[in-house]
Each structure stands twice: as C-alpha cells, then as structure tokens.
Amino acid sequence: MNMDVSKIQALISLLDDTDTEVVSAVTDNLMQHGITIVPHLEKVWENTPDSRVQERLERVIYDIQFETTRTNLRNWKNGGATNILEGASYLVQFQFPETSFFQIDDRVEKIKNDVWLEIGTNLTAVEKVKIINYVLFELHKFARNTHNFYSPQNSFLNQVLETRKGNPLSLAILYKAIADKLNLPIYGVNLPKNFILAYKDEYRYIDSQDEIQDIIFYINPYNKGAILSKKEIDYFLEQNQLKPDKSYYVPCSNEETLVRLINGLIVSYEKLGFEDKMTRLCELLQIFQ
C-alpha cells in the first residue's frame, strides 16, 4: 500500500483521543499500511512528547512487525518450507524486525564458501563432515552456550552468528543451512533433549522401506559435529530414560524443526516471565497446526 504521509499524520494525531473506539479504528487503519510505514512511525515516536501517544505508537509498530513475521512464516510454510535458513530468519524478525533473511543468508554464505574451498568431489561423507566441522567449530569458533542455555538469543540465528554460541537446535540449523548450500544430504532429526542431523546415503536411488537403513551416520553439532551411530542414540535414549521412537532416528521436516525452535523460545520467555511474547509465539505455532 502506498504511503500517504499527510493521511498517516492525520491518523497519528488521533492517537491521543480518549475514545478507545477511535483509537482502535486508527490503529487498524495504520496497520493496513504494513511494514513500510514503520520507519515513519518510529520517527514520529522520537519527536512526540506525549507518553500516551508514544505508548500507542509502540503498540502499533509492534503489531505491524508481528503481522509481518506471521505473514512471512505462513508464506514460507505454504511455499513448501524448503529452506530452513529462510524459516529461521523469519522467526528472527519476531525479536529483531530490522534483520532480513538476506543479511543472515549472506553471513552463512561466507561460511559455506570457506567449506566449499576445502571440499572435493571425491571425498567420502565422513571427510566432508570433518571439513564442515573444522570450518564451523575450529576456524569460525562456533560453540555451545553452556553458561546461558535458556537465553532467547540462543534460538535467534542472527545472535548465534554474532556471538558464535548457540543451543543444539540453532547450531544444527546453521550446520544444515551450510550443508543445503553444498547440496549435501544432511537432514534434521528431532531427538529429545538434543537435536542432531542425519547424513543419508546420497547414492541410493530409492529409499528403503526402513528409512533408518538409508542413514549412513548421525552428526551432533552441539558436540562440535561429532559423528554418531544408531547405537549411540540408543544409549542416549536409555541414559535419559526415554522410550525409543522411530521419529528419534529419521529425518524430520523443516516445519517440524521450526515448530521446535518456536517451542524453545516459548520456554525461554516463560523463564523470563515475558507472557506477551509467549502469547504471540503461540499464535505463530498455530500456523503449523
């Protein structure tokens, strides 16, 4: 929608009205203009001495940004959810609305290029993974965040790229995003209390009826890309008193990965007592139900 500055200014001037119905109508009208008017609203906010108007502007800006996030995630899902990095980037906009997918993609692309320079076509799957591990965990120094495990920043990919620290899921998403750019058959596995990756046999033309048989090995990004066998997953489940389930061994969809990412954020904000953010994240979950 094109921005008529004079019309928007007239609407903003009504935000100090004492009639809640007028304020509600103005808010709805402003929201219809979408994300393009946010910079203008922020500029007005900076120059407005009235704290009530400022508060109402903050709510309009927040609502517009949330609706943009929800729309982007819905479009991503309806478009097939093919790019996990794109989905994770749209979730970043929930907290950091000015961060674009292209900014995040550009940073991941640079890491991928470092891997690409080392990977040859004749390398084995294990050799390729070892190169990714070296670039990601040794060269770029990405690591687990053990000091502040439940911090929301561990789930936002822009923050993970900035701090080089993350949780099992965010590090796995970063790892998979690099693998996707290199066309490697690496997929997420929704393991409880962790999140790992599976390297599928890229030379099989037809998947077997037992999907587990199509997996060469597993990767644990939370432990510097350590290579795991099925027996090690069995042992992990036994140690954590978890009953084995097929979903703990086979690839999950990008949608399932993002749902887990949203649920992780809900837990993080619950621990911080941010009920409003929890409510909004639950609204995002509904997109995938």
C-alpha atoms as a PDB file:
ATOM      1  CA  MET A   1       0.000   0.000   0.000  1.00  0.00           C
ATOM      2  CA  ASN A   2       1.364   3.413  -0.976  1.00  0.00           C
ATOM      3  CA  MET A   3       2.109   5.721   1.917  1.00  0.00           C
ATOM      4  CA  ASP A   4       0.144   8.965   2.026  1.00  0.00           C
ATOM      5  CA  VAL A   5       2.193  10.850   4.637  1.00  0.00           C
ATOM      6  CA  SER A   6      -0.418  13.524   5.257  1.00  0.00           C
ATOM      7  CA  LYS A   7      -3.141  10.911   5.798  1.00  0.00           C
ATOM      8  CA  ILE A   8      -0.911   8.907   8.146  1.00  0.00           C
ATOM      9  CA  GLN A   9      -0.016  12.057  10.045  1.00  0.00           C
ATOM     10  CA  ALA A  10      -3.708  12.832  10.448  1.00  0.00           C
ATOM     11  CA  LEU A  11      -4.320   9.326  11.788  1.00  0.00           C
ATOM     12  CA  ILE A  12      -1.429   9.584  14.241  1.00  0.00           C
ATOM     13  CA  SER A  13      -2.822  12.859  15.561  1.00  0.00           C
ATOM     14  CA  LEU A  14      -5.920  10.916  16.648  1.00  0.00           C
ATOM     15  CA  LEU A  15      -3.938   8.512  18.825  1.00  0.00           C
ATOM     16  CA  ASP A  16      -4.286  10.842  21.804  1.00  0.00           C
ATOM     17  CA  ASP A  17      -8.097  10.559  21.630  1.00  0.00           C
ATOM     18  CA  THR A  18      -9.781   9.480  24.878  1.00  0.00           C
ATOM     19  CA  ASP A  19     -12.341   7.393  22.970  1.00  0.00           C
ATOM     20  CA  THR A  20     -10.993   3.819  22.816  1.00  0.00           C
ATOM     21  CA  GLU A  21     -13.099   3.040  19.741  1.00  0.00           C
ATOM     22  CA  VAL A  22     -11.474   5.911  17.847  1.00  0.00           C
ATOM     23  CA  VAL A  23      -8.005   4.727  18.891  1.00  0.00           C
ATOM     24  CA  SER A  24      -8.871   1.160  17.846  1.00  0.00           C
ATOM     25  CA  ALA A  25     -10.094   2.317  14.427  1.00  0.00           C
ATOM     26  CA  VAL A  26      -6.967   4.440  13.921  1.00  0.00           C
ATOM     27  CA  THR A  27      -4.749   1.521  14.927  1.00  0.00           C
ATOM     28  CA  ASP A  28      -6.484  -0.814  12.454  1.00  0.00           C
ATOM     29  CA  ASN A  29      -6.110   1.762   9.693  1.00  0.00           C
ATOM     30  CA  LEU A  30      -2.418   2.271  10.381  1.00  0.00           C
ATOM     31  CA  MET A  31      -1.792  -1.478  10.423  1.00  0.00           C
ATOM     32  CA  GLN A  32      -3.282  -1.830   6.956  1.00  0.00           C
ATOM     33  CA  HIS A  33      -0.318   0.155   5.617  1.00  0.00           C
ATOM     34  CA  GLY A  34       2.026  -2.624   6.693  1.00  0.00           C
ATOM     35  CA  ILE A  35       5.735  -2.632   7.410  1.00  0.00           C
ATOM     36  CA  THR A  36       6.520   0.268   5.051  1.00  0.00           C
ATOM     37  CA  ILE A  37       5.182   2.866   7.491  1.00  0.00           C
ATOM     38  CA  VAL A  38       7.180   1.637  10.499  1.00  0.00           C
ATOM     39  CA  PRO A  39      10.186   3.955   9.888  1.00  0.00           C
ATOM     40  CA  HIS A  40       7.788   6.913   9.712  1.00  0.00           C
ATOM     41  CA  LEU A  41       6.021   5.833  12.905  1.00  0.00           C
ATOM     42  CA  GLU A  42       9.364   5.451  14.674  1.00  0.00           C
ATOM     43  CA  LYS A  43      10.368   8.953  13.604  1.00  0.00           C
ATOM     44  CA  VAL A  44       7.106  10.366  14.944  1.00  0.00           C
ATOM     45  CA  TRP A  45       7.634   8.435  18.189  1.00  0.00           C
ATOM     46  CA  GLU A  46      11.066  10.048  18.650  1.00  0.00           C
ATOM     47  CA  ASN A  47       9.578  13.541  18.309  1.00  0.00           C
ATOM     48  CA  THR A  48       6.416  13.030  20.362  1.00  0.00           C
ATOM     49  CA  PRO A  49       6.454  14.396  23.922  1.00  0.00           C
ATOM     50  CA  ASP A  50       3.109  12.769  24.802  1.00  0.00           C
ATOM     51  CA  SER A  51       3.876   9.479  26.616  1.00  0.00           C
ATOM     52  CA  ARG A  52       0.402   8.106  25.901  1.00  0.00           C
ATOM     53  CA  VAL A  53       0.809   8.637  22.159  1.00  0.00           C
ATOM     54  CA  GLN A  54       4.271   7.108  22.365  1.00  0.00           C
ATOM     55  CA  GLU A  55       2.877   4.037  24.082  1.00  0.00           C
ATOM     56  CA  ARG A  56       0.153   3.646  21.465  1.00  0.00           C
ATOM     57  CA  LEU A  57       2.663   4.109  18.643  1.00  0.00           C
ATOM     58  CA  GLU A  58       4.840   1.413  20.198  1.00  0.00           C
ATOM     59  CA  ARG A  59       1.880  -0.973  20.162  1.00  0.00           C
ATOM     60  CA  VAL A  60       1.073  -0.201  16.518  1.00  0.00           C
ATOM     61  CA  ILE A  61       4.710  -0.709  15.495  1.00  0.00           C
ATOM     62  CA  TYR A  62       4.917  -3.976  17.445  1.00  0.00           C
ATOM     63  CA  ASP A  63       1.652  -5.270  15.959  1.00  0.00           C
ATOM     64  CA  ILE A  64       2.715  -4.411  12.403  1.00  0.00           C
ATOM     65  CA  GLN A  65       6.064  -6.132  12.878  1.00  0.00           C
ATOM     66  CA  PHE A  66       4.398  -9.209  14.355  1.00  0.00           C
ATOM     67  CA  GLU A  67       1.903  -9.433  11.489  1.00  0.00           C
ATOM     68  CA  THR A  68       4.807  -9.203   9.027  1.00  0.00           C
ATOM     69  CA  THR A  69       6.562 -12.077  10.813  1.00  0.00           C
ATOM     70  CA  ARG A  70       3.387 -14.148  10.811  1.00  0.00           C
ATOM     71  CA  THR A  71       2.748 -13.480   7.123  1.00  0.00           C
ATOM     72  CA  ASN A  72       6.323 -14.360   6.171  1.00  0.00           C
ATOM     73  CA  LEU A  73       6.196 -17.622   8.127  1.00  0.00           C
ATOM     74  CA  ARG A  74       2.805 -18.538   6.676  1.00  0.00           C
ATOM     75  CA  ASN A  75       4.058 -17.888   3.143  1.00  0.00           C
ATOM     76  CA  TRP A  76       7.199 -19.924   3.866  1.00  0.00           C
ATOM     77  CA  LYS A  77       5.107 -22.869   5.064  1.00  0.00           C
ATOM     78  CA  ASN A  78       2.626 -22.636   2.192  1.00  0.00           C
ATOM     79  CA  GLY A  79       5.540 -22.417  -0.255  1.00  0.00           C
ATOM     80  CA  GLY A  80       6.817 -25.810   0.833  1.00  0.00           C
ATOM     81  CA  ALA A  81       9.162 -24.795   3.685  1.00  0.00           C
ATOM     82  CA  THR A  82      12.102 -25.844   1.519  1.00  0.00           C
ATOM     83  CA  ASN A  83      14.743 -23.548   3.005  1.00  0.00           C
ATOM     84  CA  ILE A  84      15.268 -23.942   6.764  1.00  0.00           C
ATOM     85  CA  LEU A  85      17.508 -20.871   6.883  1.00  0.00           C
ATOM     86  CA  GLU A  86      14.701 -18.740   5.466  1.00  0.00           C
ATOM     87  CA  GLY A  87      12.201 -20.005   8.034  1.00  0.00           C
ATOM     88  CA  ALA A  88      14.611 -19.452  10.921  1.00  0.00           C
ATOM     89  CA  SER A  89      15.368 -15.957   9.595  1.00  0.00           C
ATOM     90  CA  TYR A  90      11.688 -15.017   9.588  1.00  0.00           C
ATOM     91  CA  LEU A  91      11.492 -16.105  13.217  1.00  0.00           C
ATOM     92  CA  VAL A  92      14.440 -13.796  13.958  1.00  0.00           C
ATOM     93  CA  GLN A  93      12.219 -10.908  12.842  1.00  0.00           C
ATOM     94  CA  PHE A  94       9.902 -11.663  15.770  1.00  0.00           C
ATOM     95  CA  GLN A  95      12.521 -10.084  18.055  1.00  0.00           C
ATOM     96  CA  PHE A  96      14.755  -8.271  15.558  1.00  0.00           C
ATOM     97  CA  PRO A  97      12.360  -6.932  12.881  1.00  0.00           C
ATOM     98  CA  GLU A  98      15.034  -4.983  11.026  1.00  0.00           C
ATOM     99  CA  THR A  99      17.129  -8.110  10.367  1.00  0.00           C
ATOM    100  CA  SER A 100      16.403  -9.510   6.918  1.00  0.00           C
ATOM    101  CA  PHE A 101      16.782 -13.027   5.561  1.00  0.00           C
ATOM    102  CA  PHE A 102      19.317 -11.710   3.081  1.00  0.00           C
ATOM    103  CA  GLN A 103      21.561 -10.366   5.854  1.00  0.00           C
ATOM    104  CA  ILE A 104      21.602 -13.747   7.582  1.00  0.00           C
ATOM    105  CA  ASP A 105      21.936 -15.648   4.320  1.00  0.00           C
ATOM    106  CA  ASP A 106      24.940 -13.532   3.341  1.00  0.00           C
ATOM    107  CA  ARG A 107      26.765 -14.416   6.570  1.00  0.00           C
ATOM    108  CA  VAL A 108      26.017 -18.117   6.190  1.00  0.00           C
ATOM    109  CA  GLU A 109      27.100 -17.961   2.544  1.00  0.00           C
ATOM    110  CA  LYS A 110      30.539 -16.718   3.606  1.00  0.00           C
ATOM    111  CA  ILE A 111      30.951 -19.663   5.976  1.00  0.00           C
ATOM    112  CA  LYS A 112      29.779 -22.019   3.236  1.00  0.00           C
ATOM    113  CA  ASN A 113      32.395 -20.602   0.874  1.00  0.00           C
ATOM    114  CA  ASP A 114      35.128 -21.468   3.381  1.00  0.00           C
ATOM    115  CA  VAL A 115      33.849 -25.048   3.400  1.00  0.00           C
ATOM    116  CA  TRP A 116      33.464 -25.173  -0.382  1.00  0.00           C
ATOM    117  CA  LEU A 117      37.127 -24.253  -0.885  1.00  0.00           C
ATOM    118  CA  GLU A 118      38.132 -27.393   1.012  1.00  0.00           C
ATOM    119  CA  ILE A 119      35.563 -29.935  -0.208  1.00  0.00           C
ATOM    120  CA  GLY A 120      36.368 -32.039  -3.253  1.00  0.00           C
ATOM    121  CA  THR A 121      34.034 -34.263  -5.246  1.00  0.00           C
ATOM    122  CA  ASN A 122      35.931 -37.456  -4.414  1.00  0.00           C
ATOM    123  CA  LEU A 123      35.716 -37.119  -0.644  1.00  0.00           C
ATOM    124  CA  THR A 124      33.722 -39.545   1.463  1.00  0.00           C
ATOM    125  CA  ALA A 125      30.728 -38.441   3.532  1.00  0.00           C
ATOM    126  CA  VAL A 126      32.829 -38.587   6.710  1.00  0.00           C
ATOM    127  CA  GLU A 127      35.580 -36.490   5.119  1.00  0.00           C
ATOM    128  CA  LYS A 128      33.076 -33.862   4.014  1.00  0.00           C
ATOM    129  CA  VAL A 129      31.598 -33.641   7.512  1.00  0.00           C
ATOM    130  CA  LYS A 130      35.048 -33.317   9.041  1.00  0.00           C
ATOM    131  CA  ILE A 131      35.712 -30.308   6.794  1.00  0.00           C
ATOM    132  CA  ILE A 132      32.436 -28.653   7.832  1.00  0.00           C
ATOM    133  CA  ASN A 133      33.341 -29.342  11.453  1.00  0.00           C
ATOM    134  CA  TYR A 134      36.767 -27.789  11.050  1.00  0.00           C
ATOM    135  CA  VAL A 135      35.445 -24.632   9.365  1.00  0.00           C
ATOM    136  CA  LEU A 136      32.466 -24.159  11.672  1.00  0.00           C
ATOM    137  CA  PHE A 137      33.932 -25.116  15.039  1.00  0.00           C
ATOM    138  CA  GLU A 138      37.668 -24.538  14.665  1.00  0.00           C
ATOM    139  CA  LEU A 139      38.013 -21.769  12.077  1.00  0.00           C
ATOM    140  CA  HIS A 140      34.894 -19.768  12.954  1.00  0.00           C
ATOM    141  CA  LYS A 141      34.851 -20.850  16.631  1.00  0.00           C
ATOM    142  CA  PHE A 142      31.147 -21.697  16.948  1.00  0.00           C
ATOM    143  CA  ALA A 143      30.396 -23.447  20.230  1.00  0.00           C
ATOM    144  CA  ARG A 144      27.652 -24.480  22.627  1.00  0.00           C
ATOM    145  CA  ASN A 145      26.344 -21.870  25.056  1.00  0.00           C
ATOM    146  CA  THR A 146      26.581 -23.658  28.384  1.00  0.00           C
ATOM    147  CA  HIS A 147      26.567 -20.560  30.597  1.00  0.00           C
ATOM    148  CA  ASN A 148      23.204 -19.203  29.468  1.00  0.00           C
ATOM    149  CA  PHE A 149      21.478 -22.208  27.897  1.00  0.00           C
ATOM    150  CA  TYR A 150      17.895 -20.896  28.130  1.00  0.00           C
ATOM    151  CA  SER A 151      18.620 -17.407  26.803  1.00  0.00           C
ATOM    152  CA  PRO A 152      16.379 -16.489  23.841  1.00  0.00           C
ATOM    153  CA  GLN A 153      19.461 -15.315  21.933  1.00  0.00           C
ATOM    154  CA  ASN A 154      20.461 -18.988  21.550  1.00  0.00           C
ATOM    155  CA  SER A 155      17.441 -19.507  19.297  1.00  0.00           C
ATOM    156  CA  PHE A 156      17.777 -16.400  17.111  1.00  0.00           C
ATOM    157  CA  LEU A 157      20.147 -17.130  14.252  1.00  0.00           C
ATOM    158  CA  ASN A 158      21.386 -13.546  13.909  1.00  0.00           C
ATOM    159  CA  GLN A 159      22.530 -13.665  17.533  1.00  0.00           C
ATOM    160  CA  VAL A 160      24.127 -17.083  17.079  1.00  0.00           C
ATOM    161  CA  LEU A 161      26.078 -15.729  14.104  1.00  0.00           C
ATOM    162  CA  GLU A 162      27.089 -12.687  16.142  1.00  0.00           C
ATOM    163  CA  THR A 163      28.095 -14.413  19.390  1.00  0.00           C
ATOM    164  CA  ARG A 164      29.132 -17.724  17.759  1.00  0.00           C
ATOM    165  CA  LYS A 165      27.304 -19.549  20.505  1.00  0.00           C
ATOM    166  CA  GLY A 166      24.045 -21.453  20.330  1.00  0.00           C
ATOM    167  CA  ASN A 167      21.912 -24.312  21.590  1.00  0.00           C
ATOM    168  CA  PRO A 168      21.608 -27.780  19.984  1.00  0.00           C
ATOM    169  CA  LEU A 169      18.842 -26.687  17.629  1.00  0.00           C
ATOM    170  CA  SER A 170      20.276 -23.370  16.407  1.00  0.00           C
ATOM    171  CA  LEU A 171      23.716 -24.897  15.789  1.00  0.00           C
ATOM    172  CA  ALA A 172      22.060 -27.767  13.896  1.00  0.00           C
ATOM    173  CA  ILE A 173      20.054 -25.323  11.767  1.00  0.00           C
ATOM    174  CA  LEU A 174      23.223 -23.396  10.928  1.00  0.00           C
ATOM    175  CA  TYR A 175      25.011 -26.657  10.101  1.00  0.00           C
ATOM    176  CA  LYS A 176      22.151 -27.857   7.895  1.00  0.00           C
ATOM    177  CA  ALA A 177      21.921 -24.483   6.134  1.00  0.00           C
ATOM    178  CA  ILE A 178      25.583 -24.813   5.140  1.00  0.00           C
ATOM    179  CA  ALA A 179      25.009 -28.411   4.037  1.00  0.00           C
ATOM    180  CA  ASP A 180      21.980 -27.360   1.968  1.00  0.00           C
ATOM    181  CA  LYS A 181      24.071 -24.760   0.153  1.00  0.00           C
ATOM    182  CA  LEU A 182      26.589 -27.513  -0.667  1.00  0.00           C
ATOM    183  CA  ASN A 183      23.835 -29.923  -1.772  1.00  0.00           C
ATOM    184  CA  LEU A 184      24.808 -32.460   0.882  1.00  0.00           C
ATOM    185  CA  PRO A 185      22.105 -34.943   2.021  1.00  0.00           C
ATOM    186  CA  ILE A 186      22.045 -33.814   5.646  1.00  0.00           C
ATOM    187  CA  TYR A 187      18.720 -33.622   7.483  1.00  0.00           C
ATOM    188  CA  GLY A 188      17.453 -32.668  10.923  1.00  0.00           C
ATOM    189  CA  VAL A 189      16.490 -35.348  13.449  1.00  0.00           C
ATOM    190  CA  ASN A 190      14.090 -34.330  16.237  1.00  0.00           C
ATOM    191  CA  LEU A 191      15.870 -36.056  19.117  1.00  0.00           C
ATOM    192  CA  PRO A 192      14.566 -35.118  22.603  1.00  0.00           C
ATOM    193  CA  LYS A 193      16.950 -33.143  24.828  1.00  0.00           C
ATOM    194  CA  ASN A 194      19.167 -32.566  21.798  1.00  0.00           C
ATOM    195  CA  PHE A 195      18.746 -32.035  18.071  1.00  0.00           C
ATOM    196  CA  ILE A 196      21.019 -33.928  15.713  1.00  0.00           C
ATOM    197  CA  LEU A 197      21.499 -34.393  11.980  1.00  0.00           C
ATOM    198  CA  ALA A 198      21.414 -37.439   9.732  1.00  0.00           C
ATOM    199  CA  TYR A 199      23.662 -37.985   6.701  1.00  0.00           C
ATOM    200  CA  LYS A 200      21.661 -40.039   4.223  1.00  0.00           C
ATOM    201  CA  ASP A 201      23.166 -42.283   1.558  1.00  0.00           C
ATOM    202  CA  GLU A 202      23.270 -39.950  -1.450  1.00  0.00           C
ATOM    203  CA  TYR A 203      23.880 -42.822  -3.881  1.00  0.00           C
ATOM    204  CA  ARG A 204      20.663 -44.694  -3.165  1.00  0.00           C
ATOM    205  CA  TYR A 205      18.164 -44.167  -5.954  1.00  0.00           C
ATOM    206  CA  ILE A 206      15.197 -45.430  -3.963  1.00  0.00           C
ATOM    207  CA  ASP A 207      14.754 -45.096  -0.217  1.00  0.00           C
ATOM    208  CA  SER A 208      14.288 -48.427   1.526  1.00  0.00           C
ATOM    209  CA  GLN A 209      11.090 -49.218   3.399  1.00  0.00           C
ATOM    210  CA  ASP A 210      13.068 -48.843   6.618  1.00  0.00           C
ATOM    211  CA  GLU A 211      14.165 -45.210   6.474  1.00  0.00           C
ATOM    212  CA  ILE A 212      16.783 -45.773   9.165  1.00  0.00           C
ATOM    213  CA  GLN A 213      18.678 -48.010   6.734  1.00  0.00           C
ATOM    214  CA  ASP A 214      19.131 -45.028   4.397  1.00  0.00           C
ATOM    215  CA  ILE A 215      21.203 -43.173   7.007  1.00  0.00           C
ATOM    216  CA  ILE A 216      24.988 -43.594   6.925  1.00  0.00           C
ATOM    217  CA  PHE A 217      25.607 -41.870  10.255  1.00  0.00           C
ATOM    218  CA  TYR A 218      24.414 -39.081  12.529  1.00  0.00           C
ATOM    219  CA  ILE A 219      26.049 -35.743  13.411  1.00  0.00           C
ATOM    220  CA  ASN A 220      25.897 -33.904  16.739  1.00  0.00           C
ATOM    221  CA  PRO A 221      26.500 -30.158  16.102  1.00  0.00           C
ATOM    222  CA  TYR A 222      26.227 -29.464  19.840  1.00  0.00           C
ATOM    223  CA  ASN A 223      29.388 -31.526  20.301  1.00  0.00           C
ATOM    224  CA  LYS A 224      31.489 -29.987  17.508  1.00  0.00           C
ATOM    225  CA  GLY A 225      29.894 -32.172  14.845  1.00  0.00           C
ATOM    226  CA  ALA A 226      30.764 -35.494  16.453  1.00  0.00           C
ATOM    227  CA  ILE A 227      29.758 -38.465  14.308  1.00  0.00           C
ATOM    228  CA  LEU A 228      27.299 -40.865  15.935  1.00  0.00           C
ATOM    229  CA  SER A 229      25.964 -44.319  15.167  1.00  0.00           C
ATOM    230  CA  LYS A 230      22.455 -45.607  15.842  1.00  0.00           C
ATOM    231  CA  LYS A 231      23.777 -47.481  18.875  1.00  0.00           C
ATOM    232  CA  GLU A 232      24.917 -44.206  20.419  1.00  0.00           C
ATOM    233  CA  ILE A 233      21.424 -42.779  20.015  1.00  0.00           C
ATOM    234  CA  ASP A 234      20.057 -45.946  21.642  1.00  0.00           C
ATOM    235  CA  TYR A 235      22.401 -45.373  24.561  1.00  0.00           C
ATOM    236  CA  PHE A 236      21.474 -41.670  24.801  1.00  0.00           C
ATOM    237  CA  LEU A 237      17.768 -42.538  24.998  1.00  0.00           C
ATOM    238  CA  GLU A 238      18.444 -45.215  27.612  1.00  0.00           C
ATOM    239  CA  GLN A 239      20.508 -42.818  29.732  1.00  0.00           C
ATOM    240  CA  ASN A 240      17.720 -40.230  29.602  1.00  0.00           C
ATOM    241  CA  GLN A 241      15.060 -42.846  30.308  1.00  0.00           C
ATOM    242  CA  LEU A 242      13.307 -42.185  27.017  1.00  0.00           C
ATOM    243  CA  LYS A 243      11.408 -44.874  25.167  1.00  0.00           C
ATOM    244  CA  PRO A 244      12.810 -45.357  21.623  1.00  0.00           C
ATOM    245  CA  ASP A 245      10.619 -43.961  18.857  1.00  0.00           C
ATOM    246  CA  LYS A 246      11.208 -44.028  15.111  1.00  0.00           C
ATOM    247  CA  SER A 247      10.978 -40.216  14.962  1.00  0.00           C
ATOM    248  CA  TYR A 248      14.147 -40.032  17.068  1.00  0.00           C
ATOM    249  CA  TYR A 249      16.147 -41.729  14.303  1.00  0.00           C
ATOM    250  CA  VAL A 250      14.778 -40.467  10.999  1.00  0.00           C
ATOM    251  CA  PRO A 251      14.795 -37.023   9.329  1.00  0.00           C
ATOM    252  CA  CYS A 252      12.123 -34.528  10.328  1.00  0.00           C
ATOM    253  CA  SER A 253      10.668 -31.798   8.117  1.00  0.00           C
ATOM    254  CA  ASN A 254      11.768 -28.174   8.118  1.00  0.00           C
ATOM    255  CA  GLU A 255       8.331 -27.327   9.501  1.00  0.00           C
ATOM    256  CA  GLU A 256       8.881 -29.638  12.477  1.00  0.00           C
ATOM    257  CA  THR A 257      12.283 -28.052  13.037  1.00  0.00           C
ATOM    258  CA  LEU A 258      10.782 -24.575  13.138  1.00  0.00           C
ATOM    259  CA  VAL A 259       7.988 -25.684  15.472  1.00  0.00           C
ATOM    260  CA  ARG A 260      10.633 -26.946  17.876  1.00  0.00           C
ATOM    261  CA  LEU A 261      12.501 -23.660  17.536  1.00  0.00           C
ATOM    262  CA  ILE A 262       9.340 -21.705  18.430  1.00  0.00           C
ATOM    263  CA  ASN A 263       8.616 -24.017  21.370  1.00  0.00           C
ATOM    264  CA  GLY A 264      12.158 -23.487  22.624  1.00  0.00           C
ATOM    265  CA  LEU A 265      11.626 -19.738  22.553  1.00  0.00           C
ATOM    266  CA  ILE A 266       8.364 -20.101  24.463  1.00  0.00           C
ATOM    267  CA  VAL A 267      10.265 -21.923  27.224  1.00  0.00           C
ATOM    268  CA  SER A 268      12.958 -19.227  27.232  1.00  0.00           C
ATOM    269  CA  TYR A 269      10.455 -16.373  27.568  1.00  0.00           C
ATOM    270  CA  GLU A 270       8.474 -18.303  30.164  1.00  0.00           C
ATOM    271  CA  LYS A 271      11.579 -18.462  32.362  1.00  0.00           C
ATOM    272  CA  LEU A 272      11.990 -14.701  31.902  1.00  0.00           C
ATOM    273  CA  GLY A 273       8.323 -14.028  32.656  1.00  0.00           C
ATOM    274  CA  PHE A 274       7.542 -12.405  29.282  1.00  0.00           C
ATOM    275  CA  GLU A 275       3.941 -13.548  28.923  1.00  0.00           C
ATOM    276  CA  ASP A 276       3.148 -11.253  25.996  1.00  0.00           C
ATOM    277  CA  LYS A 277       5.924 -12.780  23.903  1.00  0.00           C
ATOM    278  CA  MET A 278       4.824 -16.287  24.884  1.00  0.00           C
ATOM    279  CA  THR A 279       1.281 -15.498  23.728  1.00  0.00           C
ATOM    280  CA  ARG A 280       2.499 -14.143  20.390  1.00  0.00           C
ATOM    281  CA  LEU A 281       4.758 -17.167  19.826  1.00  0.00           C
ATOM    282  CA  CYS A 282       1.794 -19.454  20.482  1.00  0.00           C
ATOM    283  CA  GLU A 283      -0.027 -17.553  17.735  1.00  0.00           C
ATOM    284  CA  LEU A 284       2.878 -18.327  15.392  1.00  0.00           C
ATOM    285  CA  LEU A 285       2.644 -22.011  16.325  1.00  0.00           C
ATOM    286  CA  GLN A 286      -0.931 -22.059  15.047  1.00  0.00           C
ATOM    287  CA  ILE A 287       0.407 -21.528  11.524  1.00  0.00           C
ATOM    288  CA  PHE A 288       1.822 -25.050  11.626  1.00  0.00           C
ATOM    289  CA  GLN A 289      -1.135 -26.823  13.220  1.00  0.00           C
END
